[in-house]
C-alpha atoms as a PDB file:
ATOM      1  CA  UNK A   1     -27.085 -15.935   2.243  1.00  0.00           C
ATOM      2  CA  UNK A   2     -26.316 -17.257  -0.957  1.00  0.00           C
ATOM      3  CA  UNK A   3     -25.175 -20.814  -0.518  1.00  0.00           C
ATOM      4  CA  UNK A   4     -25.437 -24.204  -1.676  1.00  0.00           C
ATOM      5  CA  UNK A   5     -26.405 -27.229   0.358  1.00  0.00           C
ATOM      6  CA  UNK A   6     -24.091 -30.120   0.309  1.00  0.00           C
ATOM      7  CA  UNK A   7     -24.693 -33.742   1.932  1.00  0.00           C
ATOM      8  CA  UNK A   8     -22.942 -32.592   4.938  1.00  0.00           C
ATOM      9  CA  UNK A   9     -24.058 -30.732   7.640  1.00  0.00           C
ATOM     10  CA  UNK A  10     -21.645 -27.645   6.606  1.00  0.00           C
ATOM     11  CA  UNK A  11     -23.090 -24.545   4.365  1.00  0.00           C
ATOM     12  CA  UNK A  12     -20.124 -24.086   1.924  1.00  0.00           C
ATOM     13  CA  UNK A  13     -19.951 -20.384   1.244  1.00  0.00           C
ATOM     14  CA  UNK A  14     -20.349 -18.559  -2.234  1.00  0.00           C
ATOM     15  CA  UNK A  15     -20.491 -15.040  -0.991  1.00  0.00           C
ATOM     16  CA  UNK A  16     -19.164 -13.495   2.190  1.00  0.00           C
ATOM     17  CA  UNK A  17     -20.053 -10.733   4.358  1.00  0.00           C
ATOM     18  CA  UNK A  18     -17.886  -7.862   5.230  1.00  0.00           C
ATOM     19  CA  UNK A  19     -19.165  -6.342   8.396  1.00  0.00           C
ATOM     20  CA  UNK A  20     -16.865  -3.383   8.206  1.00  0.00           C
ATOM     21  CA  UNK A  21     -17.811  -0.949  11.136  1.00  0.00           C
ATOM     22  CA  UNK A  22     -20.949  -1.529  13.266  1.00  0.00           C
ATOM     23  CA  UNK A  23     -22.176   1.997  14.223  1.00  0.00           C
ATOM     24  CA  UNK A  24     -25.632   3.841  14.272  1.00  0.00           C
ATOM     25  CA  UNK A  25     -26.527   5.328  11.145  1.00  0.00           C
ATOM     26  CA  UNK A  26     -25.378   8.574  11.648  1.00  0.00           C
ATOM     27  CA  UNK A  27     -21.892   7.691  12.479  1.00  0.00           C
ATOM     28  CA  UNK A  28     -21.799   5.456   9.312  1.00  0.00           C
ATOM     29  CA  UNK A  29     -22.903   8.646   7.167  1.00  0.00           C
ATOM     30  CA  UNK A  30     -20.137  10.799   9.073  1.00  0.00           C
ATOM     31  CA  UNK A  31     -17.481   7.949   8.385  1.00  0.00           C
ATOM     32  CA  UNK A  32     -18.637   7.596   4.482  1.00  0.00           C
ATOM     33  CA  UNK A  33     -18.443  11.253   3.966  1.00  0.00           C
ATOM     34  CA  UNK A  34     -14.770  11.212   5.378  1.00  0.00           C
ATOM     35  CA  UNK A  35     -13.631   8.298   3.749  1.00  0.00           C
ATOM     36  CA  UNK A  36     -15.013   9.533   0.418  1.00  0.00           C
ATOM     37  CA  UNK A  37     -13.431  13.095   0.702  1.00  0.00           C
ATOM     38  CA  UNK A  38     -10.055  11.268   1.714  1.00  0.00           C
ATOM     39  CA  UNK A  39     -10.270   9.014  -1.360  1.00  0.00           C
ATOM     40  CA  UNK A  40     -11.008  11.904  -3.484  1.00  0.00           C
ATOM     41  CA  UNK A  41      -8.063  13.767  -2.397  1.00  0.00           C
ATOM     42  CA  UNK A  42      -6.017  10.820  -2.372  1.00  0.00           C
ATOM     43  CA  UNK A  43      -6.564   9.993  -6.060  1.00  0.00           C
ATOM     44  CA  UNK A  44      -6.746  13.921  -6.945  1.00  0.00           C
ATOM     45  CA  UNK A  45      -3.003  14.321  -5.074  1.00  0.00           C
ATOM     46  CA  UNK A  46      -1.247  11.347  -6.507  1.00  0.00           C
ATOM     47  CA  UNK A  47      -2.876  11.957 -10.094  1.00  0.00           C
ATOM     48  CA  UNK A  48      -1.729  15.316 -10.447  1.00  0.00           C
ATOM     49  CA  UNK A  49       1.755  14.358  -9.414  1.00  0.00           C
ATOM     50  CA  UNK A  50       1.758  11.399 -12.087  1.00  0.00           C
ATOM     51  CA  UNK A  51       0.271  13.917 -14.806  1.00  0.00           C
ATOM     52  CA  UNK A  52       3.088  16.973 -13.544  1.00  0.00           C
ATOM     53  CA  UNK A  53       6.004  14.293 -13.754  1.00  0.00           C
ATOM     54  CA  UNK A  54       4.863  12.852 -17.281  1.00  0.00           C
ATOM     55  CA  UNK A  55       4.348  16.666 -18.547  1.00  0.00           C
ATOM     56  CA  UNK A  56       7.646  18.173 -17.311  1.00  0.00           C
ATOM     57  CA  UNK A  57      10.688  16.351 -19.241  1.00  0.00           C
ATOM     58  CA  UNK A  58      13.050  18.184 -16.914  1.00  0.00           C
ATOM     59  CA  UNK A  59      11.950  15.661 -14.210  1.00  0.00           C
ATOM     60  CA  UNK A  60      12.277  12.541 -16.429  1.00  0.00           C
ATOM     61  CA  UNK A  61      15.091  11.312 -14.062  1.00  0.00           C
ATOM     62  CA  UNK A  62      15.409   8.417 -11.785  1.00  0.00           C
ATOM     63  CA  UNK A  63      14.350  10.108  -8.631  1.00  0.00           C
ATOM     64  CA  UNK A  64      11.217  11.404 -10.170  1.00  0.00           C
ATOM     65  CA  UNK A  65      10.213   8.176 -12.058  1.00  0.00           C
ATOM     66  CA  UNK A  66      10.191   5.992  -9.117  1.00  0.00           C
ATOM     67  CA  UNK A  67       8.018   9.022  -7.223  1.00  0.00           C
ATOM     68  CA  UNK A  68       5.832   8.990 -10.299  1.00  0.00           C
ATOM     69  CA  UNK A  69       5.248   5.145 -10.323  1.00  0.00           C
ATOM     70  CA  UNK A  70       5.072   5.325  -6.465  1.00  0.00           C
ATOM     71  CA  UNK A  71       1.974   8.064  -6.847  1.00  0.00           C
ATOM     72  CA  UNK A  72       0.499   5.636 -10.060  1.00  0.00           C
ATOM     73  CA  UNK A  73       0.921   2.772  -7.402  1.00  0.00           C
ATOM     74  CA  UNK A  74      -0.844   4.504  -4.771  1.00  0.00           C
ATOM     75  CA  UNK A  75      -3.891   5.066  -7.068  1.00  0.00           C
ATOM     76  CA  UNK A  76      -4.390   1.573  -7.822  1.00  0.00           C
ATOM     77  CA  UNK A  77      -3.797   0.532  -4.249  1.00  0.00           C
ATOM     78  CA  UNK A  78      -6.273   2.749  -2.596  1.00  0.00           C
ATOM     79  CA  UNK A  79      -8.923   1.764  -5.399  1.00  0.00           C
ATOM     80  CA  UNK A  80      -8.451  -1.852  -4.574  1.00  0.00           C
ATOM     81  CA  UNK A  81     -10.465  -1.628  -1.402  1.00  0.00           C
ATOM     82  CA  UNK A  82     -12.044   1.946  -0.678  1.00  0.00           C
ATOM     83  CA  UNK A  83     -14.638   1.912  -3.227  1.00  0.00           C
ATOM     84  CA  UNK A  84     -16.243  -1.373  -2.017  1.00  0.00           C
ATOM     85  CA  UNK A  85     -15.862  -0.181   1.655  1.00  0.00           C
ATOM     86  CA  UNK A  86     -17.748   3.121   0.809  1.00  0.00           C
ATOM     87  CA  UNK A  87     -20.603   1.128  -0.772  1.00  0.00           C
ATOM     88  CA  UNK A  88     -20.815  -1.213   2.330  1.00  0.00           C
ATOM     89  CA  UNK A  89     -21.521   1.934   4.264  1.00  0.00           C
ATOM     90  CA  UNK A  90     -24.569   2.805   2.483  1.00  0.00           C
ATOM     91  CA  UNK A  91     -25.539  -0.996   2.196  1.00  0.00           C
ATOM     92  CA  UNK A  92     -27.716  -3.101   4.234  1.00  0.00           C
ATOM     93  CA  UNK A  93     -26.220  -6.343   2.521  1.00  0.00           C
ATOM     94  CA  UNK A  94     -22.617  -5.727   2.868  1.00  0.00           C
ATOM     95  CA  UNK A  95     -21.956  -8.781   0.884  1.00  0.00           C
ATOM     96  CA  UNK A  96     -19.008  -9.490  -1.777  1.00  0.00           C
ATOM     97  CA  UNK A  97     -18.860 -12.347  -3.949  1.00  0.00           C
ATOM     98  CA  UNK A  98     -16.514 -15.336  -3.592  1.00  0.00           C
ATOM     99  CA  UNK A  99     -14.643 -14.137  -6.740  1.00  0.00           C
ATOM    100  CA  UNK A 100     -14.843 -10.473  -5.778  1.00  0.00           C
ATOM    101  CA  UNK A 101     -13.371 -11.079  -2.289  1.00  0.00           C
ATOM    102  CA  UNK A 102     -10.473 -12.986  -3.847  1.00  0.00           C
ATOM    103  CA  UNK A 103      -9.667 -10.553  -6.504  1.00  0.00           C
ATOM    104  CA  UNK A 104      -9.694  -7.720  -3.709  1.00  0.00           C
ATOM    105  CA  UNK A 105      -7.238  -9.877  -1.746  1.00  0.00           C
ATOM    106  CA  UNK A 106      -4.828 -10.306  -4.774  1.00  0.00           C
ATOM    107  CA  UNK A 107      -4.959  -6.799  -5.957  1.00  0.00           C
ATOM    108  CA  UNK A 108      -4.650  -5.395  -2.311  1.00  0.00           C
ATOM    109  CA  UNK A 109      -1.872  -7.624  -1.298  1.00  0.00           C
ATOM    110  CA  UNK A 110       0.016  -7.393  -4.858  1.00  0.00           C
ATOM    111  CA  UNK A 111       0.109  -3.773  -4.763  1.00  0.00           C
ATOM    112  CA  UNK A 112       0.904  -3.339  -1.115  1.00  0.00           C
ATOM    113  CA  UNK A 113       3.986  -5.695  -2.043  1.00  0.00           C
ATOM    114  CA  UNK A 114       5.148  -3.510  -4.859  1.00  0.00           C
ATOM    115  CA  UNK A 115       4.893  -0.825  -2.517  1.00  0.00           C
ATOM    116  CA  UNK A 116       7.392  -2.287  -0.110  1.00  0.00           C
ATOM    117  CA  UNK A 117       9.726  -2.720  -3.071  1.00  0.00           C
ATOM    118  CA  UNK A 118       9.339   0.556  -4.487  1.00  0.00           C
ATOM    119  CA  UNK A 119      10.021   2.314  -1.182  1.00  0.00           C
ATOM    120  CA  UNK A 120      13.037   0.179  -0.721  1.00  0.00           C
ATOM    121  CA  UNK A 121      14.220   1.173  -4.232  1.00  0.00           C
ATOM    122  CA  UNK A 122      13.455   4.786  -3.495  1.00  0.00           C
ATOM    123  CA  UNK A 123      15.539   4.476  -0.399  1.00  0.00           C
ATOM    124  CA  UNK A 124      18.604   2.882  -2.443  1.00  0.00           C
ATOM    125  CA  UNK A 125      18.419   5.812  -4.930  1.00  0.00           C
ATOM    126  CA  UNK A 126      18.672   8.389  -1.868  1.00  0.00           C
ATOM    127  CA  UNK A 127      21.614   6.363  -0.556  1.00  0.00           C
ATOM    128  CA  UNK A 128      23.464   6.330  -4.025  1.00  0.00           C
ATOM    129  CA  UNK A 129      22.498  10.169  -4.791  1.00  0.00           C
ATOM    130  CA  UNK A 130      23.763  11.406  -1.052  1.00  0.00           C
ATOM    131  CA  UNK A 131      26.749   8.436  -0.307  1.00  0.00           C
ATOM    132  CA  UNK A 132      28.075   8.200  -3.735  1.00  0.00           C
ATOM    133  CA  UNK A 133      27.229  11.434  -5.741  1.00  0.00           C
ATOM    134  CA  UNK A 134      30.263  11.057  -8.271  1.00  0.00           C
ATOM    135  CA  UNK A 135      29.356   7.520  -9.258  1.00  0.00           C
ATOM    136  CA  UNK A 136      25.350   8.115  -8.974  1.00  0.00           C
ATOM    137  CA  UNK A 137      25.109   9.057 -12.877  1.00  0.00           C
ATOM    138  CA  UNK A 138      26.969   6.161 -13.852  1.00  0.00           C
ATOM    139  CA  UNK A 139      25.286   3.470 -11.495  1.00  0.00           C
ATOM    140  CA  UNK A 140      21.658   4.909 -11.857  1.00  0.00           C
ATOM    141  CA  UNK A 141      21.192   5.067 -15.401  1.00  0.00           C
ATOM    142  CA  UNK A 142      17.910   5.110 -17.208  1.00  0.00           C
ATOM    143  CA  UNK A 143      18.090   1.263 -18.115  1.00  0.00           C
ATOM    144  CA  UNK A 144      18.725   0.446 -14.341  1.00  0.00           C
ATOM    145  CA  UNK A 145      15.839   2.600 -13.021  1.00  0.00           C
ATOM    146  CA  UNK A 146      13.794   0.847 -15.629  1.00  0.00           C
ATOM    147  CA  UNK A 147      14.586  -2.462 -14.838  1.00  0.00           C
ATOM    148  CA  UNK A 148      14.137  -1.650 -11.143  1.00  0.00           C
ATOM    149  CA  UNK A 149      10.544  -0.374 -11.640  1.00  0.00           C
ATOM    150  CA  UNK A 150       9.701  -3.578 -13.554  1.00  0.00           C
ATOM    151  CA  UNK A 151      10.984  -5.643 -10.953  1.00  0.00           C
ATOM    152  CA  UNK A 152       8.973  -4.042  -8.156  1.00  0.00           C
ATOM    153  CA  UNK A 153       5.685  -4.382 -10.107  1.00  0.00           C
ATOM    154  CA  UNK A 154       6.428  -7.786 -11.090  1.00  0.00           C
ATOM    155  CA  UNK A 155       7.653  -9.159  -7.859  1.00  0.00           C
ATOM    156  CA  UNK A 156       4.475  -7.746  -6.440  1.00  0.00           C
ATOM    157  CA  UNK A 157       2.086  -9.454  -8.818  1.00  0.00           C
ATOM    158  CA  UNK A 158       4.071 -12.828  -8.021  1.00  0.00           C
ATOM    159  CA  UNK A 159       4.732 -12.581  -4.409  1.00  0.00           C
ATOM    160  CA  UNK A 160       1.401 -14.148  -3.074  1.00  0.00           C
ATOM    161  CA  UNK A 161      -0.045 -15.481  -6.049  1.00  0.00           C
ATOM    162  CA  UNK A 162       0.393 -19.009  -5.245  1.00  0.00           C
ATOM    163  CA  UNK A 163      -0.964 -18.909  -1.513  1.00  0.00           C
ATOM    164  CA  UNK A 164      -3.929 -16.935  -2.649  1.00  0.00           C
ATOM    165  CA  UNK A 165      -4.654 -19.298  -5.371  1.00  0.00           C
ATOM    166  CA  UNK A 166      -4.316 -22.441  -2.897  1.00  0.00           C
ATOM    167  CA  UNK A 167      -6.575 -20.651  -0.300  1.00  0.00           C
ATOM    168  CA  UNK A 168      -9.032 -20.158  -3.114  1.00  0.00           C
ATOM    169  CA  UNK A 169      -9.336 -23.691  -3.783  1.00  0.00           C
ATOM    170  CA  UNK A 170     -10.463 -24.589  -0.465  1.00  0.00           C
ATOM    171  CA  UNK A 171     -13.819 -25.273   0.834  1.00  0.00           C
ATOM    172  CA  UNK A 172     -15.199 -22.597   3.092  1.00  0.00           C
ATOM    173  CA  UNK A 173     -18.078 -23.298   5.564  1.00  0.00           C
ATOM    174  CA  UNK A 174     -20.666 -20.886   7.052  1.00  0.00           C
ATOM    175  CA  UNK A 175     -21.094 -18.557   8.696  1.00  0.00           C
ATOM    176  CA  UNK A 176     -19.805 -16.406   5.949  1.00  0.00           C
ATOM    177  CA  UNK A 177     -19.043 -13.473   8.032  1.00  0.00           C
ATOM    178  CA  UNK A 178     -15.664 -11.226   8.017  1.00  0.00           C
ATOM    179  CA  UNK A 179     -15.503  -9.021  10.619  1.00  0.00           C
ATOM    180  CA  UNK A 180     -13.223  -6.588   8.733  1.00  0.00           C
ATOM    181  CA  UNK A 181     -13.255  -3.612   6.284  1.00  0.00           C
ATOM    182  CA  UNK A 182     -11.552  -5.810   3.504  1.00  0.00           C
ATOM    183  CA  UNK A 183     -10.951  -9.616   2.433  1.00  0.00           C
ATOM    184  CA  UNK A 184      -7.941 -10.318   4.645  1.00  0.00           C
ATOM    185  CA  UNK A 185      -6.463 -13.682   5.191  1.00  0.00           C
ATOM    186  CA  UNK A 186      -6.735 -14.075   8.689  1.00  0.00           C
ATOM    187  CA  UNK A 187     -10.767 -13.942   8.872  1.00  0.00           C
ATOM    188  CA  UNK A 188     -10.537 -16.048   5.624  1.00  0.00           C
ATOM    189  CA  UNK A 189      -8.566 -18.951   7.403  1.00  0.00           C
ATOM    190  CA  UNK A 190     -11.084 -18.841  10.257  1.00  0.00           C
ATOM    191  CA  UNK A 191     -13.705 -19.799   7.954  1.00  0.00           C
ATOM    192  CA  UNK A 192     -12.160 -22.677   6.420  1.00  0.00           C
ATOM    193  CA  UNK A 193     -13.747 -26.278   6.729  1.00  0.00           C
ATOM    194  CA  UNK A 194     -10.325 -27.836   7.557  1.00  0.00           C
ATOM    195  CA  UNK A 195      -7.429 -25.933   9.056  1.00  0.00           C
ATOM    196  CA  UNK A 196      -4.422 -25.527   6.385  1.00  0.00           C
ATOM    197  CA  UNK A 197      -1.669 -24.455   9.098  1.00  0.00           C
ATOM    198  CA  UNK A 198       0.989 -25.020   6.037  1.00  0.00           C
ATOM    199  CA  UNK A 199      -0.787 -22.401   3.915  1.00  0.00           C
ATOM    200  CA  UNK A 200      -1.090 -20.039   6.953  1.00  0.00           C
ATOM    201  CA  UNK A 201       2.606 -20.525   7.666  1.00  0.00           C
ATOM    202  CA  UNK A 202       3.355 -19.686   4.089  1.00  0.00           C
ATOM    203  CA  UNK A 203       1.167 -16.503   3.966  1.00  0.00           C
ATOM    204  CA  UNK A 204       2.941 -15.103   7.244  1.00  0.00           C
ATOM    205  CA  UNK A 205       6.417 -16.154   6.086  1.00  0.00           C
ATOM    206  CA  UNK A 206       5.824 -14.438   2.820  1.00  0.00           C
ATOM    207  CA  UNK A 207       4.534 -11.527   4.787  1.00  0.00           C
ATOM    208  CA  UNK A 208       7.563 -11.343   7.270  1.00  0.00           C
ATOM    209  CA  UNK A 209      10.125 -11.497   4.265  1.00  0.00           C
ATOM    210  CA  UNK A 210       8.542  -8.866   2.057  1.00  0.00           C
ATOM    211  CA  UNK A 211       8.054  -6.465   5.266  1.00  0.00           C
ATOM    212  CA  UNK A 212      11.149  -7.170   7.269  1.00  0.00           C
ATOM    213  CA  UNK A 213      13.503  -7.672   4.492  1.00  0.00           C
ATOM    214  CA  UNK A 214      12.417  -4.129   2.744  1.00  0.00           C
ATOM    215  CA  UNK A 215      12.124  -2.620   6.168  1.00  0.00           C
ATOM    216  CA  UNK A 216      15.612  -3.466   7.228  1.00  0.00           C
ATOM    217  CA  UNK A 217      17.053  -2.513   3.800  1.00  0.00           C
ATOM    218  CA  UNK A 218      15.517   0.949   4.019  1.00  0.00           C
ATOM    219  CA  UNK A 219      16.534   1.416   7.536  1.00  0.00           C
ATOM    220  CA  UNK A 220      20.124   0.498   6.707  1.00  0.00           C
ATOM    221  CA  UNK A 221      20.341   2.863   3.606  1.00  0.00           C
ATOM    222  CA  UNK A 222      18.963   5.738   5.660  1.00  0.00           C
ATOM    223  CA  UNK A 223      21.560   4.554   8.647  1.00  0.00           C
ATOM    224  CA  UNK A 224      24.458   5.391   5.752  1.00  0.00           C
ATOM    225  CA  UNK A 225      22.540   8.429   4.639  1.00  0.00           C
ATOM    226  CA  UNK A 226      22.749   9.803   8.042  1.00  0.00           C
ATOM    227  CA  UNK A 227      26.040   9.106   8.534  1.00  0.00           C
ATOM    228  CA  UNK A 228      26.975  10.895   5.187  1.00  0.00           C
ATOM    229  CA  UNK A 229      24.733  13.852   6.270  1.00  0.00           C
ATOM    230  CA  UNK A 230      26.409  14.529   9.400  1.00  0.00           C
ATOM    231  CA  UNK A 231      29.866  14.668   7.639  1.00  0.00           C
ATOM    232  CA  UNK A 232      28.615  17.565   5.089  1.00  0.00           C
ATOM    233  CA  UNK A 233      30.198  20.709   5.751  1.00  0.00           C
ATOM    234  CA  UNK A 234      27.190  22.588   4.601  1.00  0.00           C
ATOM    235  CA  UNK A 235      24.275  23.460   6.968  1.00  0.00           C
ATOM    236  CA  UNK A 236      21.918  24.108   4.105  1.00  0.00           C
ATOM    237  CA  UNK A 237      22.623  20.573   2.676  1.00  0.00           C
ATOM    238  CA  UNK A 238      22.192  18.865   6.052  1.00  0.00           C
ATOM    239  CA  UNK A 239      18.907  20.594   6.420  1.00  0.00           C
ATOM    240  CA  UNK A 240      17.972  19.584   3.184  1.00  0.00           C
ATOM    241  CA  UNK A 241      19.020  15.927   3.194  1.00  0.00           C
ATOM    242  CA  UNK A 242      17.368  15.521   6.879  1.00  0.00           C
ATOM    243  CA  UNK A 243      14.112  17.018   5.458  1.00  0.00           C
ATOM    244  CA  UNK A 244      13.868  14.769   2.643  1.00  0.00           C
ATOM    245  CA  UNK A 245      14.919  11.286   4.547  1.00  0.00           C
ATOM    246  CA  UNK A 246      13.048  12.594   7.615  1.00  0.00           C
ATOM    247  CA  UNK A 247       9.694  12.667   5.529  1.00  0.00           C
ATOM    248  CA  UNK A 248      10.276   9.361   4.078  1.00  0.00           C
ATOM    249  CA  UNK A 249      10.987   7.674   7.210  1.00  0.00           C
ATOM    250  CA  UNK A 250       7.874   9.230   8.742  1.00  0.00           C
ATOM    251  CA  UNK A 251       5.861   7.645   5.764  1.00  0.00           C
ATOM    252  CA  UNK A 252       7.629   4.112   5.940  1.00  0.00           C
ATOM    253  CA  UNK A 253       7.307   3.854   9.890  1.00  0.00           C
ATOM    254  CA  UNK A 254       3.434   4.421   9.427  1.00  0.00           C
ATOM    255  CA  UNK A 255       3.225   1.847   6.726  1.00  0.00           C
ATOM    256  CA  UNK A 256       5.568  -0.608   7.974  1.00  0.00           C
ATOM    257  CA  UNK A 257       4.199  -0.276  11.474  1.00  0.00           C
ATOM    258  CA  UNK A 258       0.942  -0.956  10.583  1.00  0.00           C
ATOM    259  CA  UNK A 259       1.787  -3.857   8.434  1.00  0.00           C
ATOM    260  CA  UNK A 260       3.905  -5.750  10.881  1.00  0.00           C
ATOM    261  CA  UNK A 261       0.994  -5.483  13.625  1.00  0.00           C
ATOM    262  CA  UNK A 262      -1.494  -7.285  11.165  1.00  0.00           C
ATOM    263  CA  UNK A 263       0.633  -9.938   9.231  1.00  0.00           C
ATOM    264  CA  UNK A 264       4.058 -10.376  11.082  1.00  0.00           C
ATOM    265  CA  UNK A 265       2.191 -11.012  14.564  1.00  0.00           C
ATOM    266  CA  UNK A 266      -0.825 -13.116  14.036  1.00  0.00           C
ATOM    267  CA  UNK A 267      -0.570 -15.013  17.217  1.00  0.00           C
ATOM    268  CA  UNK A 268      -1.217 -11.900  19.445  1.00  0.00           C
ATOM    269  CA  UNK A 269      -4.790 -12.010  18.931  1.00  0.00           C
ATOM    270  CA  UNK A 270      -5.883  -8.446  17.939  1.00  0.00           C
ATOM    271  CA  UNK A 271      -9.385  -7.384  18.220  1.00  0.00           C
ATOM    272  CA  UNK A 272     -11.206  -6.711  15.206  1.00  0.00           C
ATOM    273  CA  UNK A 273     -11.231  -3.009  15.968  1.00  0.00           C
ATOM    274  CA  UNK A 274      -7.397  -2.964  16.155  1.00  0.00           C
ATOM    275  CA  UNK A 275      -7.411  -4.778  12.611  1.00  0.00           C
ATOM    276  CA  UNK A 276      -9.362  -2.286  11.006  1.00  0.00           C
ATOM    277  CA  UNK A 277      -7.735   0.545  12.320  1.00  0.00           C
ATOM    278  CA  UNK A 278      -4.503  -0.720  11.216  1.00  0.00           C
ATOM    279  CA  UNK A 279      -5.869  -1.672   7.916  1.00  0.00           C
ATOM    280  CA  UNK A 280      -7.204   1.864   7.436  1.00  0.00           C
ATOM    281  CA  UNK A 281      -3.571   3.235   8.417  1.00  0.00           C
ATOM    282  CA  UNK A 282      -1.970   1.785   5.645  1.00  0.00           C
ATOM    283  CA  UNK A 283      -4.903   1.547   3.040  1.00  0.00           C
ATOM    284  CA  UNK A 284      -5.934   5.008   3.409  1.00  0.00           C
ATOM    285  CA  UNK A 285      -4.016   7.173   5.567  1.00  0.00           C
ATOM    286  CA  UNK A 286      -0.432   6.558   4.098  1.00  0.00           C
ATOM    287  CA  UNK A 287      -1.836   6.965   0.500  1.00  0.00           C
ATOM    288  CA  UNK A 288      -3.389  10.142   1.306  1.00  0.00           C
ATOM    289  CA  UNK A 289      -0.545  11.914   2.987  1.00  0.00           C
ATOM    290  CA  UNK A 290       2.211  10.441   0.563  1.00  0.00           C
ATOM    291  CA  UNK A 291       1.604  13.303  -2.029  1.00  0.00           C
ATOM    292  CA  UNK A 292       2.170  15.899   0.721  1.00  0.00           C
ATOM    293  CA  UNK A 293       5.114  14.481   2.300  1.00  0.00           C
ATOM    294  CA  UNK A 294       6.916  13.267  -0.549  1.00  0.00           C
ATOM    295  CA  UNK A 295       6.140  15.918  -3.215  1.00  0.00           C
ATOM    296  CA  UNK A 296       4.458  19.061  -2.108  1.00  0.00           C
ATOM    297  CA  UNK A 297       7.540  20.156  -0.136  1.00  0.00           C
ATOM    298  CA  UNK A 298       9.762  19.661  -3.285  1.00  0.00           C
ATOM    299  CA  UNK A 299      10.372  22.918  -5.120  1.00  0.00           C
ATOM    300  CA  UNK A 300      10.428  21.090  -8.392  1.00  0.00           C
ATOM    301  CA  UNK A 301       7.332  19.192  -7.724  1.00  0.00           C
ATOM    302  CA  UNK A 302       5.612  22.247  -6.843  1.00  0.00           C
ATOM    303  CA  UNK A 303       6.843  24.106  -9.833  1.00  0.00           C
ATOM    304  CA  UNK A 304       5.658  21.330 -12.229  1.00  0.00           C
ATOM    305  CA  UNK A 305       2.235  21.260 -10.439  1.00  0.00           C
ATOM    306  CA  UNK A 306       1.978  25.061 -11.071  1.00  0.00           C
ATOM    307  CA  UNK A 307       2.858  24.496 -14.768  1.00  0.00           C
ATOM    308  CA  UNK A 308       0.331  21.896 -15.151  1.00  0.00           C
ATOM    309  CA  UNK A 309      -2.491  23.856 -13.433  1.00  0.00           C
ATOM    310  CA  UNK A 310      -1.247  26.846 -15.871  1.00  0.00           C
ATOM    311  CA  UNK A 311      -1.666  24.626 -18.887  1.00  0.00           C
ATOM    312  CA  UNK A 312      -5.168  23.882 -17.932  1.00  0.00           C
ATOM    313  CA  UNK A 313      -5.940  27.497 -17.378  1.00  0.00           C
ATOM    314  CA  UNK A 314      -5.053  28.408 -20.914  1.00  0.00           C
ATOM    315  CA  UNK A 315      -7.380  25.957 -22.484  1.00  0.00           C
END
C-alpha cells in the first residue's frame, strides 16, 4: 500500500483497493468473460444506433435526437467504470489511484445524472407527441430540442461537482479498502479520518432530488399518456403506444429502482453484496438492454441500421 506516514498514528491514503468480487479464480475468469462480452455488445449496440441516426437525415427529429444522445451517453456511462472493473478481475493488486478514484466517481455520477434528466426529457417528448399531437411540432422545435439536450448534459456535469470536490479535499485514513466494484460515496465516507455528516447529507439530498424528482416526473408523464392512449379509438394505435411506453417504463423501473436502493436509503445498512449487484444493474445491465428495448423494436431504427450495414457491405 502506497501511503505516507504523518506524525499522527493514522496512515493517510494515497490510493485505494477496490475489492470487487471475492471469488475463486475460475469464477473470476467466468465473470471477466461475461462482463467483457456484455461491455463489447453494449458499446457495439449503442454505437450502431448513434451512427445509424447520424447517417439517416430522415431521423433528425426530436424523438430520435434524444435517443441518439441517450445511446451516446450510455457508451461513456458504461465506459466510466467497466474497463477498470475488468482489469481488476485479472489483477492481484486491484488498486486505483486517489485521483483515478475521484475521476471515476465524478464521471460515473455525472453521466448517471445526465441519464436521469434525459430519461425525463424523453418521457416529456412522448407526452407531447401523444397527448398534444396538434401542438407538438410547434412546441418541440429543433431549437427547444437542442436546448433540452444541452441542459441534460450541463446539469449532469454540475450536479455533484461541489460535493465531490469537498470530499476529495478531506483526509482519508487507512485501511484503504473499498469493498465495492466502483468508487462509491458510501465506502469513501467510511474511510474519512473525521466524519462529515453535512457533506454526507448533501450527497444524499442531491441524489434524492435527481432520482425522485425525475422519476415522479416520468411517472406523471406516462400516467397522462396512459389516459390518452385509453381514449384512442384505434386498437393499433393503442397497441403501438402501449408497446413504446411499456418498454420505456421497464427500463426506467430497473434503472431507478436500483438507484433508489443504493443512494436514497443509506440508513438501511445494505450488505456489500447487495450494493455490488445493485450497481451492476444500473451500470451494466440497463445500458446493455437499452438498444434492444428502445431501438431494435422500432421499425425506423431497424431500417436505419440495415441501411448502415448495407453501406458498409458496399465498401
